[in-house]
Every structure is written in structure tokens, then in C-alpha cells.
C-alpha atoms as a PDB file:
ATOM      1  CA  UNK A   1      29.559 -13.784 -20.221  1.00  0.00           C
ATOM      2  CA  UNK A   2      29.986 -15.202 -16.735  1.00  0.00           C
ATOM      3  CA  UNK A   3      31.437 -11.901 -15.501  1.00  0.00           C
ATOM      4  CA  UNK A   4      28.535  -9.931 -17.028  1.00  0.00           C
ATOM      5  CA  UNK A   5      25.968 -12.287 -15.454  1.00  0.00           C
ATOM      6  CA  UNK A   6      27.680 -11.984 -12.061  1.00  0.00           C
ATOM      7  CA  UNK A   7      27.718  -8.203 -12.329  1.00  0.00           C
ATOM      8  CA  UNK A   8      23.983  -8.104 -13.068  1.00  0.00           C
ATOM      9  CA  UNK A   9      23.279 -10.386 -10.118  1.00  0.00           C
ATOM     10  CA  UNK A  10      25.298  -8.107  -7.864  1.00  0.00           C
ATOM     11  CA  UNK A  11      23.374  -5.067  -9.105  1.00  0.00           C
ATOM     12  CA  UNK A  12      19.994  -6.711  -8.572  1.00  0.00           C
ATOM     13  CA  UNK A  13      20.974  -7.601  -5.023  1.00  0.00           C
ATOM     14  CA  UNK A  14      21.584  -3.925  -4.283  1.00  0.00           C
ATOM     15  CA  UNK A  15      18.773  -2.586  -2.022  1.00  0.00           C
ATOM     16  CA  UNK A  16      18.957   0.843  -3.707  1.00  0.00           C
ATOM     17  CA  UNK A  17      18.553  -0.545  -7.214  1.00  0.00           C
ATOM     18  CA  UNK A  18      15.797  -2.958  -6.193  1.00  0.00           C
ATOM     19  CA  UNK A  19      13.754  -0.211  -4.570  1.00  0.00           C
ATOM     20  CA  UNK A  20      14.198   1.989  -7.667  1.00  0.00           C
ATOM     21  CA  UNK A  21      13.068  -0.799  -9.993  1.00  0.00           C
ATOM     22  CA  UNK A  22      10.087  -1.605  -7.762  1.00  0.00           C
ATOM     23  CA  UNK A  23       9.088   2.047  -7.645  1.00  0.00           C
ATOM     24  CA  UNK A  24       9.389   2.750 -11.376  1.00  0.00           C
ATOM     25  CA  UNK A  25       8.147  -0.491 -12.908  1.00  0.00           C
ATOM     26  CA  UNK A  26       5.062  -2.567 -12.262  1.00  0.00           C
ATOM     27  CA  UNK A  27       5.436  -6.316 -12.689  1.00  0.00           C
ATOM     28  CA  UNK A  28       2.865  -9.046 -12.392  1.00  0.00           C
ATOM     29  CA  UNK A  29       3.175 -11.320  -9.365  1.00  0.00           C
ATOM     30  CA  UNK A  30       4.651 -14.107 -11.528  1.00  0.00           C
ATOM     31  CA  UNK A  31       7.247 -11.755 -13.025  1.00  0.00           C
ATOM     32  CA  UNK A  32       8.218 -10.480  -9.581  1.00  0.00           C
ATOM     33  CA  UNK A  33       8.706 -14.049  -8.328  1.00  0.00           C
ATOM     34  CA  UNK A  34      10.867 -14.875 -11.362  1.00  0.00           C
ATOM     35  CA  UNK A  35      13.045 -11.800 -10.796  1.00  0.00           C
ATOM     36  CA  UNK A  36      13.505 -12.595  -7.109  1.00  0.00           C
ATOM     37  CA  UNK A  37      14.561 -16.148  -7.926  1.00  0.00           C
ATOM     38  CA  UNK A  38      16.855 -15.078 -10.791  1.00  0.00           C
ATOM     39  CA  UNK A  39      18.617 -12.579  -8.503  1.00  0.00           C
ATOM     40  CA  UNK A  40      19.054 -15.193  -5.787  1.00  0.00           C
ATOM     41  CA  UNK A  41      16.816 -13.335  -3.351  1.00  0.00           C
ATOM     42  CA  UNK A  42      14.290 -14.962  -0.970  1.00  0.00           C
ATOM     43  CA  UNK A  43      10.774 -14.824  -2.361  1.00  0.00           C
ATOM     44  CA  UNK A  44       8.328 -12.906  -0.102  1.00  0.00           C
ATOM     45  CA  UNK A  45       5.680 -15.398   1.080  1.00  0.00           C
ATOM     46  CA  UNK A  46       2.663 -13.267   0.202  1.00  0.00           C
ATOM     47  CA  UNK A  47      -0.590 -14.624   1.564  1.00  0.00           C
ATOM     48  CA  UNK A  48      -2.982 -13.511  -1.180  1.00  0.00           C
ATOM     49  CA  UNK A  49      -3.023 -15.979  -4.095  1.00  0.00           C
ATOM     50  CA  UNK A  50      -2.418 -14.363  -7.488  1.00  0.00           C
ATOM     51  CA  UNK A  51      -5.820 -15.494  -8.758  1.00  0.00           C
ATOM     52  CA  UNK A  52      -7.839 -15.160  -5.552  1.00  0.00           C
ATOM     53  CA  UNK A  53     -11.532 -15.495  -6.345  1.00  0.00           C
ATOM     54  CA  UNK A  54     -13.597 -12.450  -5.429  1.00  0.00           C
ATOM     55  CA  UNK A  55     -16.897 -13.376  -3.708  1.00  0.00           C
ATOM     56  CA  UNK A  56     -19.810 -12.161  -5.852  1.00  0.00           C
ATOM     57  CA  UNK A  57     -21.643 -10.601  -2.905  1.00  0.00           C
ATOM     58  CA  UNK A  58     -18.628  -8.514  -1.875  1.00  0.00           C
ATOM     59  CA  UNK A  59     -17.957  -7.460  -5.461  1.00  0.00           C
ATOM     60  CA  UNK A  60     -21.592  -6.358  -5.767  1.00  0.00           C
ATOM     61  CA  UNK A  61     -21.380  -4.560  -2.417  1.00  0.00           C
ATOM     62  CA  UNK A  62     -18.372  -2.397  -3.277  1.00  0.00           C
ATOM     63  CA  UNK A  63     -19.775  -1.660  -6.743  1.00  0.00           C
ATOM     64  CA  UNK A  64     -22.913  -0.205  -5.150  1.00  0.00           C
ATOM     65  CA  UNK A  65     -21.073   2.110  -2.750  1.00  0.00           C
ATOM     66  CA  UNK A  66     -21.180   5.838  -3.622  1.00  0.00           C
ATOM     67  CA  UNK A  67     -17.488   6.375  -2.821  1.00  0.00           C
ATOM     68  CA  UNK A  68     -14.177   4.624  -3.627  1.00  0.00           C
ATOM     69  CA  UNK A  69     -13.942   1.112  -2.185  1.00  0.00           C
ATOM     70  CA  UNK A  70     -11.688  -1.884  -2.605  1.00  0.00           C
ATOM     71  CA  UNK A  71     -11.356  -5.454  -1.395  1.00  0.00           C
ATOM     72  CA  UNK A  72      -8.111  -6.256   0.399  1.00  0.00           C
ATOM     73  CA  UNK A  73      -6.475  -9.603   1.176  1.00  0.00           C
ATOM     74  CA  UNK A  74      -4.691 -10.599   4.423  1.00  0.00           C
ATOM     75  CA  UNK A  75      -1.350  -9.294   3.139  1.00  0.00           C
ATOM     76  CA  UNK A  76      -2.896  -5.918   2.113  1.00  0.00           C
ATOM     77  CA  UNK A  77      -2.928  -7.009  -1.526  1.00  0.00           C
ATOM     78  CA  UNK A  78      -5.719  -5.382  -3.547  1.00  0.00           C
ATOM     79  CA  UNK A  79      -7.929  -8.010  -5.180  1.00  0.00           C
ATOM     80  CA  UNK A  80     -10.877  -5.898  -6.381  1.00  0.00           C
ATOM     81  CA  UNK A  81     -11.836  -2.216  -6.697  1.00  0.00           C
ATOM     82  CA  UNK A  82     -14.991  -0.393  -7.666  1.00  0.00           C
ATOM     83  CA  UNK A  83     -15.129   2.121 -10.513  1.00  0.00           C
ATOM     84  CA  UNK A  84     -14.816   5.108  -8.209  1.00  0.00           C
ATOM     85  CA  UNK A  85     -11.613   3.743  -6.672  1.00  0.00           C
ATOM     86  CA  UNK A  86     -10.183   2.939 -10.107  1.00  0.00           C
ATOM     87  CA  UNK A  87     -10.902   6.490 -11.254  1.00  0.00           C
ATOM     88  CA  UNK A  88      -9.622   8.213  -8.100  1.00  0.00           C
ATOM     89  CA  UNK A  89      -6.558   5.978  -7.597  1.00  0.00           C
ATOM     90  CA  UNK A  90      -5.543   4.323 -10.906  1.00  0.00           C
ATOM     91  CA  UNK A  91      -2.576   2.565  -9.281  1.00  0.00           C
ATOM     92  CA  UNK A  92      -5.011   0.291  -7.390  1.00  0.00           C
ATOM     93  CA  UNK A  93      -5.850  -1.490 -10.657  1.00  0.00           C
ATOM     94  CA  UNK A  94      -2.253  -2.485 -11.429  1.00  0.00           C
ATOM     95  CA  UNK A  95      -1.303  -6.196 -11.128  1.00  0.00           C
ATOM     96  CA  UNK A  96       0.158  -6.927  -7.704  1.00  0.00           C
ATOM     97  CA  UNK A  97      -1.044  -3.642  -6.165  1.00  0.00           C
ATOM     98  CA  UNK A  98      -0.626  -3.670  -2.393  1.00  0.00           C
ATOM     99  CA  UNK A  99      -1.766  -1.002   0.069  1.00  0.00           C
ATOM    100  CA  UNK A 100       1.389  -1.096   2.195  1.00  0.00           C
ATOM    101  CA  UNK A 101       3.893  -1.342  -0.643  1.00  0.00           C
ATOM    102  CA  UNK A 102       2.226   1.229  -2.903  1.00  0.00           C
ATOM    103  CA  UNK A 103       1.576   3.818  -0.192  1.00  0.00           C
ATOM    104  CA  UNK A 104       4.937   3.479   1.558  1.00  0.00           C
ATOM    105  CA  UNK A 105       7.371   3.121  -1.346  1.00  0.00           C
ATOM    106  CA  UNK A 106       7.892   5.953  -3.877  1.00  0.00           C
ATOM    107  CA  UNK A 107       5.441   5.799  -6.751  1.00  0.00           C
ATOM    108  CA  UNK A 108       2.002   6.992  -7.875  1.00  0.00           C
ATOM    109  CA  UNK A 109       0.273   5.664  -4.735  1.00  0.00           C
ATOM    110  CA  UNK A 110       2.546   7.473  -2.322  1.00  0.00           C
ATOM    111  CA  UNK A 111       2.443  10.583  -4.539  1.00  0.00           C
ATOM    112  CA  UNK A 112      -1.291  10.859  -3.830  1.00  0.00           C
ATOM    113  CA  UNK A 113      -0.713  10.942  -0.071  1.00  0.00           C
ATOM    114  CA  UNK A 114      -0.595  14.587   0.995  1.00  0.00           C
ATOM    115  CA  UNK A 115       1.520  15.269   4.098  1.00  0.00           C
ATOM    116  CA  UNK A 116       2.692  11.654   3.770  1.00  0.00           C
ATOM    117  CA  UNK A 117       5.243  11.742   6.581  1.00  0.00           C
ATOM    118  CA  UNK A 118       2.701  13.071   9.092  1.00  0.00           C
ATOM    119  CA  UNK A 119      -0.674  11.565   8.171  1.00  0.00           C
ATOM    120  CA  UNK A 120       0.071   8.420   6.168  1.00  0.00           C
ATOM    121  CA  UNK A 121       3.344   6.674   6.922  1.00  0.00           C
ATOM    122  CA  UNK A 122       3.128   6.508  10.765  1.00  0.00           C
ATOM    123  CA  UNK A 123      -0.303   4.799  11.023  1.00  0.00           C
ATOM    124  CA  UNK A 124       0.470   2.501   8.072  1.00  0.00           C
ATOM    125  CA  UNK A 125       3.730   1.401   9.699  1.00  0.00           C
ATOM    126  CA  UNK A 126       2.020   0.948  13.071  1.00  0.00           C
ATOM    127  CA  UNK A 127      -0.587  -1.304  11.477  1.00  0.00           C
ATOM    128  CA  UNK A 128       2.086  -3.232   9.581  1.00  0.00           C
ATOM    129  CA  UNK A 129       4.121  -3.635  12.771  1.00  0.00           C
ATOM    130  CA  UNK A 130       1.145  -5.160  14.591  1.00  0.00           C
ATOM    131  CA  UNK A 131       0.401  -7.643  11.814  1.00  0.00           C
ATOM    132  CA  UNK A 132       4.032  -8.620  11.278  1.00  0.00           C
ATOM    133  CA  UNK A 133       4.265 -10.011  14.808  1.00  0.00           C
ATOM    134  CA  UNK A 134       2.360 -13.111  13.692  1.00  0.00           C
ATOM    135  CA  UNK A 135       2.872 -13.148   9.913  1.00  0.00           C
ATOM    136  CA  UNK A 136       5.951 -14.100   7.909  1.00  0.00           C
ATOM    137  CA  UNK A 137       4.329 -12.552   4.827  1.00  0.00           C
ATOM    138  CA  UNK A 138       3.981  -9.166   6.515  1.00  0.00           C
ATOM    139  CA  UNK A 139       7.519  -9.378   7.897  1.00  0.00           C
ATOM    140  CA  UNK A 140       8.664  -9.791   4.291  1.00  0.00           C
ATOM    141  CA  UNK A 141       6.744  -6.629   3.387  1.00  0.00           C
ATOM    142  CA  UNK A 142       8.419  -4.817   6.303  1.00  0.00           C
ATOM    143  CA  UNK A 143      11.816  -5.835   4.914  1.00  0.00           C
ATOM    144  CA  UNK A 144      10.824  -4.628   1.465  1.00  0.00           C
ATOM    145  CA  UNK A 145       9.465  -1.204   2.424  1.00  0.00           C
ATOM    146  CA  UNK A 146      12.333  -0.575   4.854  1.00  0.00           C
ATOM    147  CA  UNK A 147      14.770  -0.756   1.946  1.00  0.00           C
ATOM    148  CA  UNK A 148      13.647   2.835   1.381  1.00  0.00           C
ATOM    149  CA  UNK A 149      15.755   5.055   3.649  1.00  0.00           C
ATOM    150  CA  UNK A 150      12.907   7.421   4.560  1.00  0.00           C
ATOM    151  CA  UNK A 151      10.557   4.564   5.444  1.00  0.00           C
ATOM    152  CA  UNK A 152      13.302   2.861   7.465  1.00  0.00           C
ATOM    153  CA  UNK A 153      13.911   6.018   9.481  1.00  0.00           C
ATOM    154  CA  UNK A 154      10.188   6.418  10.173  1.00  0.00           C
ATOM    155  CA  UNK A 155       9.913   2.727  11.122  1.00  0.00           C
ATOM    156  CA  UNK A 156      12.416   3.246  13.927  1.00  0.00           C
ATOM    157  CA  UNK A 157      11.170   6.705  14.898  1.00  0.00           C
ATOM    158  CA  UNK A 158       7.546   5.538  15.311  1.00  0.00           C
ATOM    159  CA  UNK A 159       8.322   2.229  17.049  1.00  0.00           C
ATOM    160  CA  UNK A 160       5.990   3.024  19.978  1.00  0.00           C
ATOM    161  CA  UNK A 161       3.016   4.071  17.830  1.00  0.00           C
ATOM    162  CA  UNK A 162       0.062   1.683  18.029  1.00  0.00           C
ATOM    163  CA  UNK A 163      -2.590   3.734  16.200  1.00  0.00           C
ATOM    164  CA  UNK A 164      -4.499   1.777  13.562  1.00  0.00           C
ATOM    165  CA  UNK A 165      -4.369   3.130  10.004  1.00  0.00           C
ATOM    166  CA  UNK A 166      -8.057   2.525   9.378  1.00  0.00           C
ATOM    167  CA  UNK A 167     -10.615   4.800  11.006  1.00  0.00           C
ATOM    168  CA  UNK A 168      -8.492   7.888  10.364  1.00  0.00           C
ATOM    169  CA  UNK A 169      -9.046  10.965   8.192  1.00  0.00           C
ATOM    170  CA  UNK A 170      -6.146  11.829   5.908  1.00  0.00           C
ATOM    171  CA  UNK A 171      -5.394  14.329   3.110  1.00  0.00           C
ATOM    172  CA  UNK A 172      -5.136  12.969  -0.419  1.00  0.00           C
ATOM    173  CA  UNK A 173      -4.367  14.492  -3.802  1.00  0.00           C
ATOM    174  CA  UNK A 174      -7.371  13.773  -6.021  1.00  0.00           C
ATOM    175  CA  UNK A 175      -8.371  15.081  -9.426  1.00  0.00           C
ATOM    176  CA  UNK A 176     -10.835  17.945  -9.049  1.00  0.00           C
ATOM    177  CA  UNK A 177     -11.198  21.684  -8.668  1.00  0.00           C
ATOM    178  CA  UNK A 178      -8.673  23.534  -6.557  1.00  0.00           C
ATOM    179  CA  UNK A 179      -5.071  22.771  -5.614  1.00  0.00           C
ATOM    180  CA  UNK A 180      -5.699  21.669  -2.031  1.00  0.00           C
ATOM    181  CA  UNK A 181      -5.870  17.968  -1.149  1.00  0.00           C
ATOM    182  CA  UNK A 182      -9.172  16.387  -0.182  1.00  0.00           C
ATOM    183  CA  UNK A 183      -9.651  14.960   3.300  1.00  0.00           C
ATOM    184  CA  UNK A 184     -10.657  11.314   3.098  1.00  0.00           C
ATOM    185  CA  UNK A 185     -12.012   9.151   5.908  1.00  0.00           C
ATOM    186  CA  UNK A 186     -10.459   5.702   5.454  1.00  0.00           C
ATOM    187  CA  UNK A 187     -12.437   2.861   7.028  1.00  0.00           C
ATOM    188  CA  UNK A 188     -11.893  -0.895   7.090  1.00  0.00           C
ATOM    189  CA  UNK A 189     -14.668  -3.500   7.356  1.00  0.00           C
ATOM    190  CA  UNK A 190     -14.224  -7.235   7.926  1.00  0.00           C
ATOM    191  CA  UNK A 191     -17.034  -9.441   6.527  1.00  0.00           C
ATOM    192  CA  UNK A 192     -18.033 -12.096   9.051  1.00  0.00           C
ATOM    193  CA  UNK A 193     -18.464 -14.709   6.325  1.00  0.00           C
ATOM    194  CA  UNK A 194     -15.069 -13.895   4.714  1.00  0.00           C
ATOM    195  CA  UNK A 195     -12.857 -13.021   7.724  1.00  0.00           C
ATOM    196  CA  UNK A 196      -9.612 -13.151   5.731  1.00  0.00           C
ATOM    197  CA  UNK A 197     -10.757 -10.246   3.541  1.00  0.00           C
ATOM    198  CA  UNK A 198     -11.378  -6.565   4.277  1.00  0.00           C
ATOM    199  CA  UNK A 199     -13.553  -3.970   2.561  1.00  0.00           C
ATOM    200  CA  UNK A 200     -11.722  -0.631   2.559  1.00  0.00           C
ATOM    201  CA  UNK A 201     -13.630   2.582   1.846  1.00  0.00           C
ATOM    202  CA  UNK A 202     -12.534   6.156   1.261  1.00  0.00           C
ATOM    203  CA  UNK A 203     -15.414   8.425   2.274  1.00  0.00           C
ATOM    204  CA  UNK A 204     -15.439  12.236   2.058  1.00  0.00           C
ATOM    205  CA  UNK A 205     -14.052  13.608   5.305  1.00  0.00           C
ATOM    206  CA  UNK A 206     -13.463  16.906   7.050  1.00  0.00           C
ATOM    207  CA  UNK A 207     -10.300  18.650   8.145  1.00  0.00           C
ATOM    208  CA  UNK A 208      -9.568  17.312  11.672  1.00  0.00           C
ATOM    209  CA  UNK A 209      -9.272  19.840  14.493  1.00  0.00           C
ATOM    210  CA  UNK A 210      -5.713  21.111  14.702  1.00  0.00           C
ATOM    211  CA  UNK A 211      -4.692  19.587  11.389  1.00  0.00           C
ATOM    212  CA  UNK A 212      -2.565  21.606   9.004  1.00  0.00           C
ATOM    213  CA  UNK A 213      -3.520  22.579   5.484  1.00  0.00           C
ATOM    214  CA  UNK A 214      -0.773  23.001   2.839  1.00  0.00           C
ATOM    215  CA  UNK A 215      -0.750  26.724   3.703  1.00  0.00           C
ATOM    216  CA  UNK A 216      -0.529  26.297   7.474  1.00  0.00           C
ATOM    217  CA  UNK A 217      -2.810  25.566  10.442  1.00  0.00           C
ATOM    218  CA  UNK A 218      -6.554  25.441   9.829  1.00  0.00           C
END
């Protein structure tokens, strides 16, 4: 039994296996913490409490918006979504959903990101790099997403990029007529009375000048 237990511990400590498990299974925050501890791995010090209370005024605000919107914590954890966001991006409603983890690691979030390597990963990594300078929690997320070989390569390749992920227009696969992705303008708003939180919106956008469609240049 001791040999079997040791073998399982060794497997769980493998970066490849951990990234596969994280990509293919969704665990609650408590379950993730238990698995990290059982495998002898350091627990990421995420900033957003598991049961963070959502301010009523912000909940009401995002529910009234005519496009997908969500409320994001300081570690990019998703703590509330409106109905349009839940319908357009079902993965945002999963326990422990996190913008950086779900859009950078393989899974349903990243699958929605059209032209991911060009329009999504570089600005997300640039934003994560900026925040990680002063945050142990975000440095833990950097370590986690960089376990994926493709993300790790992009992290090093885009080391000089300082463009912010919010305020950009990006292509996204959404349910609807036609095979082409929709262009979405992603904006971030910081409430003055709740500065640790951010309201993130996905508004209908237009194909940027010079951007490529799936069939070539526009």
C-alpha cells in the first residue's frame, strides 16, 4: 500500500498530469486545496475568498446590462455573472472559475477564444505579468498556467509586451448563426466604492483594421 500511495503522489506531482486534470475536471476551491495538500504541493494563495459576498448594487448593475458582464476579484476569480454571460460562456458559472486560468489553460474557456495565440494569450499574459510583480497570488497563477508548454513558450516570447488585456476587441466563438467568430469588445471597470473588484463586460465589437478573419485578411 505504501508503494501504491507513493506512486500516486509522484504522478500528482507531475506537471503534465496536473495540467491535464485541471483542464478536464472542475473542482470546487475546497477540493482543489485538499488535492494540493494531499499531493504535497504548495497551495496557491488566491486572494478571492471562496464565499466572497457580492455587493447588491454591483449585482443589480451587471444584471441590467444588455450584454454579457461579470464581476471579477483581485486574482481574476469570477464571483458573479449576469444571465447573458452565463448563456454565452457557461464555463464562467463553474465553481472556482478564473479568467486567467480558464482562458489560458486548455478547456472550454480557451476553446471559445478564436485566434487564441494572436488575440487572447499575449494581452492576458501581459496583464498577468504586470499584476504578478506585486502579488504572490498572481505569481502562483503564473506558475500554474506556465505548466502548459504552449503558454510557457508564449510567456517568454511576449516578455516585452505591456498591452493591457481590457479595452481590446477580440474574436470569440459564440452560439449563433454562421461559422465565423464574433468580435467582442472586452472592457474592465473598477467601482470607486469597491476598488478590489472589477466589472468586466463583453460588448459587440467590429473587426479591427488589419485583423484577420478565419479565411484570411479582412
